[in-house]
N, C-alpha and C. Protein backbone atom coordinates (compact mmCIF):
# COMPACT_ATOMS: atom_id res chain seq x y z
N MET A 1 23.33 9.08 25.76
CA MET A 1 22.73 10.67 26.55
C MET A 1 21.28 10.32 27.30
N ASN A 2 20.78 9.32 27.03
CA ASN A 2 19.57 8.52 27.63
C ASN A 2 19.60 8.64 29.19
N LEU A 3 20.49 8.24 29.34
CA LEU A 3 21.19 7.48 30.50
C LEU A 3 21.40 8.89 31.75
N ARG A 4 21.95 9.94 30.99
CA ARG A 4 22.53 10.86 32.08
C ARG A 4 21.70 11.50 31.49
N LEU A 5 20.77 11.34 30.93
CA LEU A 5 19.55 12.93 30.90
C LEU A 5 18.66 12.57 32.24
N ILE A 6 18.60 11.13 32.20
CA ILE A 6 17.46 10.78 33.38
C ILE A 6 18.06 10.93 34.83
N ALA A 7 19.64 10.53 35.09
CA ALA A 7 20.68 10.91 36.14
C ALA A 7 20.24 12.59 36.77
N ILE A 8 19.84 13.12 35.56
CA ILE A 8 19.82 14.61 35.80
C ILE A 8 18.84 14.80 36.32
N ARG A 9 17.72 15.04 35.51
CA ARG A 9 16.31 14.67 36.26
C ARG A 9 15.88 14.23 37.38
N GLU A 10 16.48 13.17 37.66
CA GLU A 10 16.15 12.38 38.62
C GLU A 10 17.18 13.29 40.68
N ALA A 11 18.58 13.25 40.19
CA ALA A 11 19.13 14.19 40.50
C ALA A 11 18.79 15.59 40.88
N VAL A 12 18.02 16.47 40.39
CA VAL A 12 17.58 17.81 40.18
C VAL A 12 16.66 17.88 41.52
N ARG A 13 15.49 16.11 41.83
CA ARG A 13 14.88 16.97 42.13
C ARG A 13 15.45 15.92 43.74
N HIS A 14 16.47 15.76 44.14
CA HIS A 14 16.85 14.62 45.19
C HIS A 14 16.69 15.35 46.42
N PRO A 15 16.31 14.67 47.31
CA PRO A 15 16.31 15.42 48.82
C PRO A 15 16.91 15.58 49.04
N ASN A 16 18.53 15.34 49.07
CA ASN A 16 19.59 15.22 49.78
C ASN A 16 20.17 17.69 48.66
N SER A 17 20.62 18.40 49.57
CA SER A 17 20.24 19.62 48.92
C SER A 17 22.21 18.88 48.19
N ASN A 18 23.26 18.59 48.45
CA ASN A 18 24.16 18.73 48.00
C ASN A 18 23.80 17.53 46.78
N VAL A 19 23.26 16.29 46.65
CA VAL A 19 22.96 16.01 45.30
C VAL A 19 22.33 16.62 44.37
N ARG A 20 21.53 17.56 44.85
CA ARG A 20 21.10 18.47 43.72
C ARG A 20 21.86 19.16 42.98
N GLN A 21 22.69 20.56 44.38
CA GLN A 21 24.54 20.88 43.25
C GLN A 21 25.14 20.39 42.70
N ILE A 22 24.95 19.63 43.02
CA ILE A 22 25.94 19.02 41.83
C ILE A 22 25.22 18.86 40.49
N ALA A 23 24.09 18.24 40.43
CA ALA A 23 23.08 18.06 39.15
C ALA A 23 23.38 19.35 38.88
N PHE A 24 22.61 20.02 39.42
CA PHE A 24 23.08 21.62 39.24
C PHE A 24 24.27 22.14 38.46
N GLU A 25 25.39 21.79 38.64
CA GLU A 25 26.45 22.53 37.98
C GLU A 25 27.09 21.18 37.04
N VAL A 26 26.51 20.48 37.17
CA VAL A 26 27.15 19.64 35.94
C VAL A 26 25.73 19.29 34.96
N GLY A 27 24.55 20.06 34.55
CA GLY A 27 23.72 20.08 33.73
C GLY A 27 23.63 21.64 33.37
N LEU A 28 24.24 22.18 34.30
CA LEU A 28 23.83 23.99 33.29
C LEU A 28 25.35 24.15 32.99
N ALA A 29 26.03 23.60 33.18
CA ALA A 29 27.71 23.62 32.15
C ALA A 29 27.10 22.49 31.17
N SER A 30 26.74 21.75 30.74
CA SER A 30 26.41 21.00 29.71
C SER A 30 25.69 21.44 28.64
N GLU A 31 26.78 21.36 27.50
CA GLU A 31 26.61 21.78 26.10
C GLU A 31 25.39 21.14 25.46
N GLU A 32 24.71 20.10 26.27
CA GLU A 32 23.86 18.81 25.45
C GLU A 32 22.51 20.06 25.66
N ALA A 33 21.62 20.15 25.48
CA ALA A 33 20.71 21.21 25.11
C ALA A 33 19.57 19.97 26.14
N ALA A 34 19.16 18.83 25.82
CA ALA A 34 17.98 18.19 27.23
C ALA A 34 18.55 18.10 28.02
N ILE A 35 19.73 18.14 28.54
CA ILE A 35 20.64 17.94 29.67
C ILE A 35 20.57 19.00 30.73
N LEU A 36 20.72 20.74 29.60
CA LEU A 36 21.10 21.44 30.43
C LEU A 36 19.42 22.49 30.31
N GLU A 37 18.62 21.87 29.96
CA GLU A 37 17.09 21.92 30.62
C GLU A 37 16.58 21.52 31.18
N ALA A 38 17.05 20.13 31.52
CA ALA A 38 16.70 19.71 32.82
C ALA A 38 17.12 20.34 33.80
N ALA A 39 18.33 20.54 34.14
CA ALA A 39 18.94 21.17 34.94
C ALA A 39 18.47 22.89 35.12
N LEU A 40 17.61 23.57 34.12
CA LEU A 40 16.75 24.69 34.10
C LEU A 40 15.71 24.34 34.37
N ARG A 41 15.56 23.71 34.42
CA ARG A 41 14.06 23.02 34.83
C ARG A 41 13.11 22.79 35.81
N GLY A 42 14.46 21.98 36.50
CA GLY A 42 14.30 21.50 38.09
C GLY A 42 14.99 23.53 39.16
N LEU A 43 16.36 23.87 38.29
CA LEU A 43 16.37 24.85 38.89
C LEU A 43 15.38 25.59 39.52
N LEU A 44 14.60 26.45 38.10
CA LEU A 44 12.85 26.42 38.28
C LEU A 44 11.98 26.52 39.40
N ALA A 45 12.27 24.82 39.07
CA ALA A 45 11.46 24.18 40.72
C ALA A 45 11.39 24.51 41.68
N GLY A 46 13.01 24.43 41.83
CA GLY A 46 13.66 24.68 43.12
C GLY A 46 13.34 26.16 43.77
N THR A 47 12.79 26.57 42.82
CA THR A 47 12.82 28.61 43.29
C THR A 47 11.22 29.08 43.47
N GLN A 48 11.72 29.92 44.84
CA GLN A 48 10.51 30.35 45.35
C GLN A 48 9.97 32.22 44.99
N ARG A 49 11.20 32.25 44.10
CA ARG A 49 10.86 33.94 43.65
C ARG A 49 11.89 34.20 43.17
N ILE A 50 11.29 34.55 42.33
CA ILE A 50 12.06 35.20 40.84
C ILE A 50 12.68 36.63 40.64
N THR A 51 13.36 36.98 41.45
CA THR A 51 13.96 38.45 41.44
C THR A 51 14.87 38.86 40.16
N PHE A 52 14.15 39.51 39.09
CA PHE A 52 14.65 40.27 37.35
C PHE A 52 14.91 41.80 38.11
N VAL A 53 15.55 41.79 37.87
CA VAL A 53 16.05 43.03 38.00
C VAL A 53 16.86 44.23 37.02
N TYR A 54 16.30 45.72 37.02
CA TYR A 54 16.28 46.26 35.90
C TYR A 54 17.46 46.42 35.23
N VAL A 55 17.86 45.85 34.42
CA VAL A 55 19.82 47.10 33.54
C VAL A 55 19.48 47.29 32.60
N ASP A 56 21.34 48.21 32.82
CA ASP A 56 21.35 48.95 31.67
C ASP A 56 21.96 48.37 30.27
N LYS A 57 22.04 48.66 29.11
CA LYS A 57 22.97 47.95 27.97
C LYS A 57 24.15 46.88 29.01
N GLU A 58 24.56 47.91 29.37
CA GLU A 58 26.20 47.12 29.97
C GLU A 58 25.76 45.94 30.99
N GLY A 59 24.70 45.75 31.81
CA GLY A 59 24.40 45.15 32.69
C GLY A 59 24.43 45.40 33.80
N GLN A 60 24.49 46.77 34.33
CA GLN A 60 24.71 47.47 34.99
C GLN A 60 23.40 48.09 35.62
N PRO A 61 22.65 47.65 37.32
CA PRO A 61 21.37 47.52 37.87
C PRO A 61 20.97 49.13 37.80
N LEU A 62 20.14 49.19 37.09
CA LEU A 62 18.76 50.23 37.56
C LEU A 62 18.05 50.77 38.48
N GLU A 63 18.52 51.98 39.00
CA GLU A 63 17.42 51.92 39.77
C GLU A 63 15.68 53.09 39.93
N GLY A 64 15.36 52.42 40.51
CA GLY A 64 13.34 53.67 39.49
C GLY A 64 12.40 52.60 40.36
N GLN A 65 11.44 52.52 39.25
CA GLN A 65 10.69 52.12 39.99
C GLN A 65 10.48 50.83 40.50
N ASN A 66 9.87 49.79 41.54
CA ASN A 66 10.05 48.87 42.42
C ASN A 66 11.45 48.60 42.75
N GLU A 67 12.11 49.55 42.72
CA GLU A 67 14.00 49.78 43.65
C GLU A 67 14.74 48.77 42.31
N GLY A 68 13.75 49.20 41.26
CA GLY A 68 14.88 48.39 40.05
C GLY A 68 14.43 46.70 40.03
N ARG A 69 13.10 46.40 40.63
CA ARG A 69 13.43 44.63 40.69
C ARG A 69 11.89 45.14 40.33
N HIS A 70 11.37 43.01 39.90
CA HIS A 70 10.15 43.23 39.84
C HIS A 70 10.30 41.80 40.23
N ILE A 71 9.33 41.18 41.12
CA ILE A 71 9.57 39.64 42.02
C ILE A 71 8.65 38.72 41.11
N LEU A 72 8.74 38.11 41.22
CA LEU A 72 7.97 37.13 40.56
C LEU A 72 7.35 35.37 41.84
N ASN A 73 6.61 36.21 43.00
CA ASN A 73 6.91 34.42 44.04
C ASN A 73 5.96 33.10 42.84
N VAL A 74 7.15 32.05 42.95
CA VAL A 74 6.62 31.16 42.10
C VAL A 74 5.46 30.54 43.56
N GLU A 75 4.33 29.78 42.47
CA GLU A 75 3.27 29.06 43.59
C GLU A 75 3.92 27.25 42.93
N VAL A 76 3.49 27.13 41.91
CA VAL A 76 3.59 26.11 40.98
C VAL A 76 4.96 25.82 40.36
N ALA A 77 5.97 25.21 40.03
CA ALA A 77 7.01 24.67 38.90
C ALA A 77 6.81 23.30 39.13
N ASP A 78 6.96 22.96 37.74
CA ASP A 78 6.81 21.39 37.27
C ASP A 78 8.10 21.33 36.02
N ALA A 79 8.93 20.57 36.99
CA ALA A 79 10.65 20.34 36.65
C ALA A 79 9.91 19.82 35.09
N ASP A 80 9.02 18.67 35.19
CA ASP A 80 8.65 17.79 33.78
C ASP A 80 8.79 18.67 32.51
N THR A 81 7.52 19.54 32.71
CA THR A 81 7.18 20.17 31.93
C THR A 81 7.79 21.89 31.41
N GLY A 82 8.02 22.02 32.50
CA GLY A 82 8.74 23.42 32.50
C GLY A 82 7.66 24.76 32.52
N ARG A 83 6.78 24.25 33.20
CA ARG A 83 5.66 25.58 33.28
C ARG A 83 5.67 26.28 34.78
N PHE A 84 5.07 27.28 34.30
CA PHE A 84 5.02 27.85 36.48
C PHE A 84 3.96 28.71 36.67
N SER A 85 3.57 28.64 37.81
CA SER A 85 3.01 30.23 38.37
C SER A 85 3.04 30.89 39.50
N GLY A 86 2.32 31.76 39.12
CA GLY A 86 2.22 32.47 40.60
C GLY A 86 2.35 34.16 40.71
N THR A 87 2.42 34.89 41.80
CA THR A 87 1.93 36.07 41.70
C THR A 87 3.19 37.24 42.20
N THR A 88 2.55 38.43 41.56
CA THR A 88 3.81 39.18 42.45
C THR A 88 3.10 40.25 43.26
N GLY A 89 3.74 40.61 43.94
CA GLY A 89 3.43 41.51 45.89
C GLY A 89 2.27 42.25 45.90
N CYS A 90 1.53 42.34 44.03
CA CYS A 90 0.11 42.99 44.44
C CYS A 90 -0.86 42.32 43.63
N ASN A 91 -0.41 40.53 43.66
CA ASN A 91 -1.16 39.42 43.74
C ASN A 91 -1.59 39.48 42.16
N THR A 92 -0.90 40.07 41.40
CA THR A 92 -1.22 39.46 39.57
C THR A 92 -0.66 38.53 39.51
N ARG A 93 -1.49 37.38 39.09
CA ARG A 93 -1.46 35.80 38.40
C ARG A 93 -0.44 36.49 37.11
N TRP A 94 1.20 34.87 37.83
CA TRP A 94 1.35 35.01 36.35
C TRP A 94 1.62 33.83 35.94
N THR A 95 2.31 33.45 34.29
CA THR A 95 2.19 32.03 33.99
C THR A 95 3.76 31.95 33.40
N GLY A 96 4.40 30.87 32.92
CA GLY A 96 5.31 31.01 32.11
C GLY A 96 5.84 29.89 31.64
N GLN A 97 7.06 30.10 31.41
CA GLN A 97 7.73 28.34 30.64
C GLN A 97 8.52 28.30 30.40
N LEU A 98 9.39 27.78 30.36
CA LEU A 98 10.59 27.23 30.22
C LEU A 98 10.83 25.89 28.85
N GLN A 99 11.33 26.62 27.90
CA GLN A 99 11.50 25.70 26.76
C GLN A 99 13.39 25.79 26.87
N GLY A 100 14.10 25.34 26.64
CA GLY A 100 15.27 25.02 25.87
C GLY A 100 15.93 26.01 27.21
N ARG A 101 16.63 26.67 26.01
CA ARG A 101 16.97 27.86 26.84
C ARG A 101 16.60 29.58 27.32
N ILE A 102 15.62 29.27 27.23
CA ILE A 102 14.58 30.83 26.96
C ILE A 102 13.02 29.82 28.62
N LEU A 103 13.01 31.82 28.72
CA LEU A 103 12.11 32.00 30.18
C LEU A 103 11.44 32.65 29.81
N ALA A 104 10.04 32.12 29.16
CA ALA A 104 8.87 33.42 29.01
C ALA A 104 7.65 33.11 29.73
N PHE A 105 7.33 34.40 30.06
CA PHE A 105 6.38 35.03 31.16
C PHE A 105 5.31 35.94 30.63
N ALA A 106 3.92 35.48 31.82
CA ALA A 106 3.29 36.97 30.82
C ALA A 106 2.18 36.78 32.40
N SER A 107 1.17 38.22 33.04
CA SER A 107 0.59 38.23 33.50
C SER A 107 -0.62 38.14 32.97
N ASN A 108 -1.79 37.37 33.56
CA ASN A 108 -2.89 37.20 32.86
C ASN A 108 -3.35 38.94 32.20
N GLY A 109 -3.34 38.34 30.79
CA GLY A 109 -3.94 39.41 29.38
C GLY A 109 -2.91 40.06 29.62
N ASP A 110 -1.67 39.20 29.30
CA ASP A 110 -0.35 40.29 28.96
C ASP A 110 -0.46 41.59 29.52
N TYR A 111 -0.92 41.99 31.02
CA TYR A 111 -0.68 43.23 31.26
C TYR A 111 1.02 43.51 31.57
N CYS A 112 1.31 42.41 31.21
CA CYS A 112 2.92 42.44 31.59
C CYS A 112 3.77 40.98 31.25
N ALA A 113 4.54 41.33 30.03
CA ALA A 113 5.46 40.17 29.37
C ALA A 113 6.87 40.49 29.58
N GLY A 114 7.30 39.01 29.06
CA GLY A 114 9.28 38.94 29.22
C GLY A 114 9.68 37.92 28.52
N THR A 115 10.39 37.87 27.71
CA THR A 115 11.49 36.80 27.82
C THR A 115 13.15 37.04 27.82
N VAL A 116 13.65 35.90 28.45
CA VAL A 116 14.72 35.75 28.59
C VAL A 116 15.64 34.44 28.37
N THR A 117 16.78 34.25 28.20
CA THR A 117 17.40 32.95 27.98
C THR A 117 18.57 32.96 28.68
N TRP A 118 19.01 31.73 28.34
CA TRP A 118 19.90 31.31 29.48
C TRP A 118 21.20 32.28 28.92
N ASN A 119 22.33 32.63 30.30
CA ASN A 119 23.95 33.13 29.49
C ASN A 119 24.60 32.10 30.29
N LEU A 120 25.27 30.86 30.13
CA LEU A 120 26.16 30.06 30.76
C LEU A 120 27.67 30.82 31.23
N GLU A 121 27.89 31.72 30.64
CA GLU A 121 29.27 32.56 30.70
C GLU A 121 28.88 33.19 32.11
N ARG A 122 27.94 33.44 32.08
CA ARG A 122 27.57 34.25 33.04
C ARG A 122 26.66 34.39 34.28
N GLY A 123 26.03 33.15 33.72
CA GLY A 123 25.02 32.18 34.91
C GLY A 123 23.87 32.90 35.38
N GLU A 124 23.35 33.86 34.17
CA GLU A 124 22.01 34.25 34.29
C GLU A 124 21.29 34.25 33.70
N PHE A 125 19.41 34.42 33.71
CA PHE A 125 19.21 34.80 32.07
C PHE A 125 19.32 36.19 32.32
N ARG A 126 18.93 36.83 30.70
CA ARG A 126 19.31 38.30 30.30
C ARG A 126 18.13 37.70 28.96
N GLY A 127 16.94 39.00 29.23
CA GLY A 127 16.05 39.71 28.38
C GLY A 127 15.70 41.36 27.69
N ARG A 128 14.61 41.11 28.45
CA ARG A 128 13.44 41.88 28.41
C ARG A 128 11.84 41.58 28.71
N MET A 129 11.64 42.73 29.03
CA MET A 129 10.31 42.60 29.97
C MET A 129 9.88 43.90 29.61
N ARG A 130 8.09 44.07 28.96
CA ARG A 130 7.70 45.33 28.81
C ARG A 130 6.13 45.29 29.97
N PRO A 131 7.16 46.16 31.10
CA PRO A 131 5.81 46.07 33.00
C PRO A 131 4.94 47.28 32.08
N ALA A 132 3.83 47.29 32.47
CA ALA A 132 2.60 47.86 32.48
C ALA A 132 3.29 49.77 32.42
N GLY A 133 2.68 49.39 31.09
CA GLY A 133 3.13 50.88 31.11
C GLY A 133 3.78 51.87 31.09
N ILE A 134 5.39 51.20 31.12
CA ILE A 134 6.70 51.42 30.97
C ILE A 134 7.26 51.36 29.52
N GLY A 135 7.23 50.45 29.14
CA GLY A 135 8.06 49.78 27.70
C GLY A 135 8.43 48.80 27.59
N PHE A 136 9.48 48.65 27.34
CA PHE A 136 10.60 47.55 27.30
C PHE A 136 11.65 47.66 28.16
N GLN A 137 11.79 46.79 29.14
CA GLN A 137 13.04 47.30 30.29
C GLN A 137 14.25 45.23 29.91
N GLU A 138 15.60 46.23 29.61
CA GLU A 138 16.58 44.91 29.89
C GLU A 138 16.05 43.91 31.31
N ILE A 139 16.67 43.66 31.56
CA ILE A 139 16.26 42.26 32.52
C ILE A 139 17.10 41.33 32.68
N VAL A 140 17.44 41.07 34.01
CA VAL A 140 18.09 40.09 34.74
C VAL A 140 17.81 39.10 35.84
N TRP A 141 17.85 37.92 35.54
CA TRP A 141 17.51 36.99 36.95
C TRP A 141 18.58 36.00 36.55
N ARG A 142 19.65 36.22 37.61
CA ARG A 142 20.65 35.38 38.52
C ARG A 142 20.69 34.65 39.60
N PRO A 143 19.63 33.06 39.29
CA PRO A 143 19.38 32.48 40.47
C PRO A 143 20.72 32.02 41.48
N ARG A 144 19.76 31.50 42.29
CA ARG A 144 20.86 31.36 44.07
C ARG A 144 21.28 32.29 44.86
């Protein structure tokens, strides 16, 4: 497994987008936790914007505050550690961590926080977020 893990870690950083795409497809479909995590961290490291969509219990998008979305602009993401940081449109600072299949994030002072888990069958992160002053909301992020 070590050789495969090293190969995925290198491939998700490769300058050729075709190599990266193959690495993501292989890594995200893997049942081996370390390989899946390496692919998810590589995916996060290559992301400039995370768009969380507010959804109901059935996964249908909700309309409302911020047009039913919460956007995180990713400024720094480390494929080795899974840590990331960035801002929202109103320049609120965020930090987060991807550990295993779980992505947790919060604004400075926990003004807004959430946790989502990778769902392979749906190809999405799904979980809950507590936007300031609103209460918990179901959210989904579908990378790519």
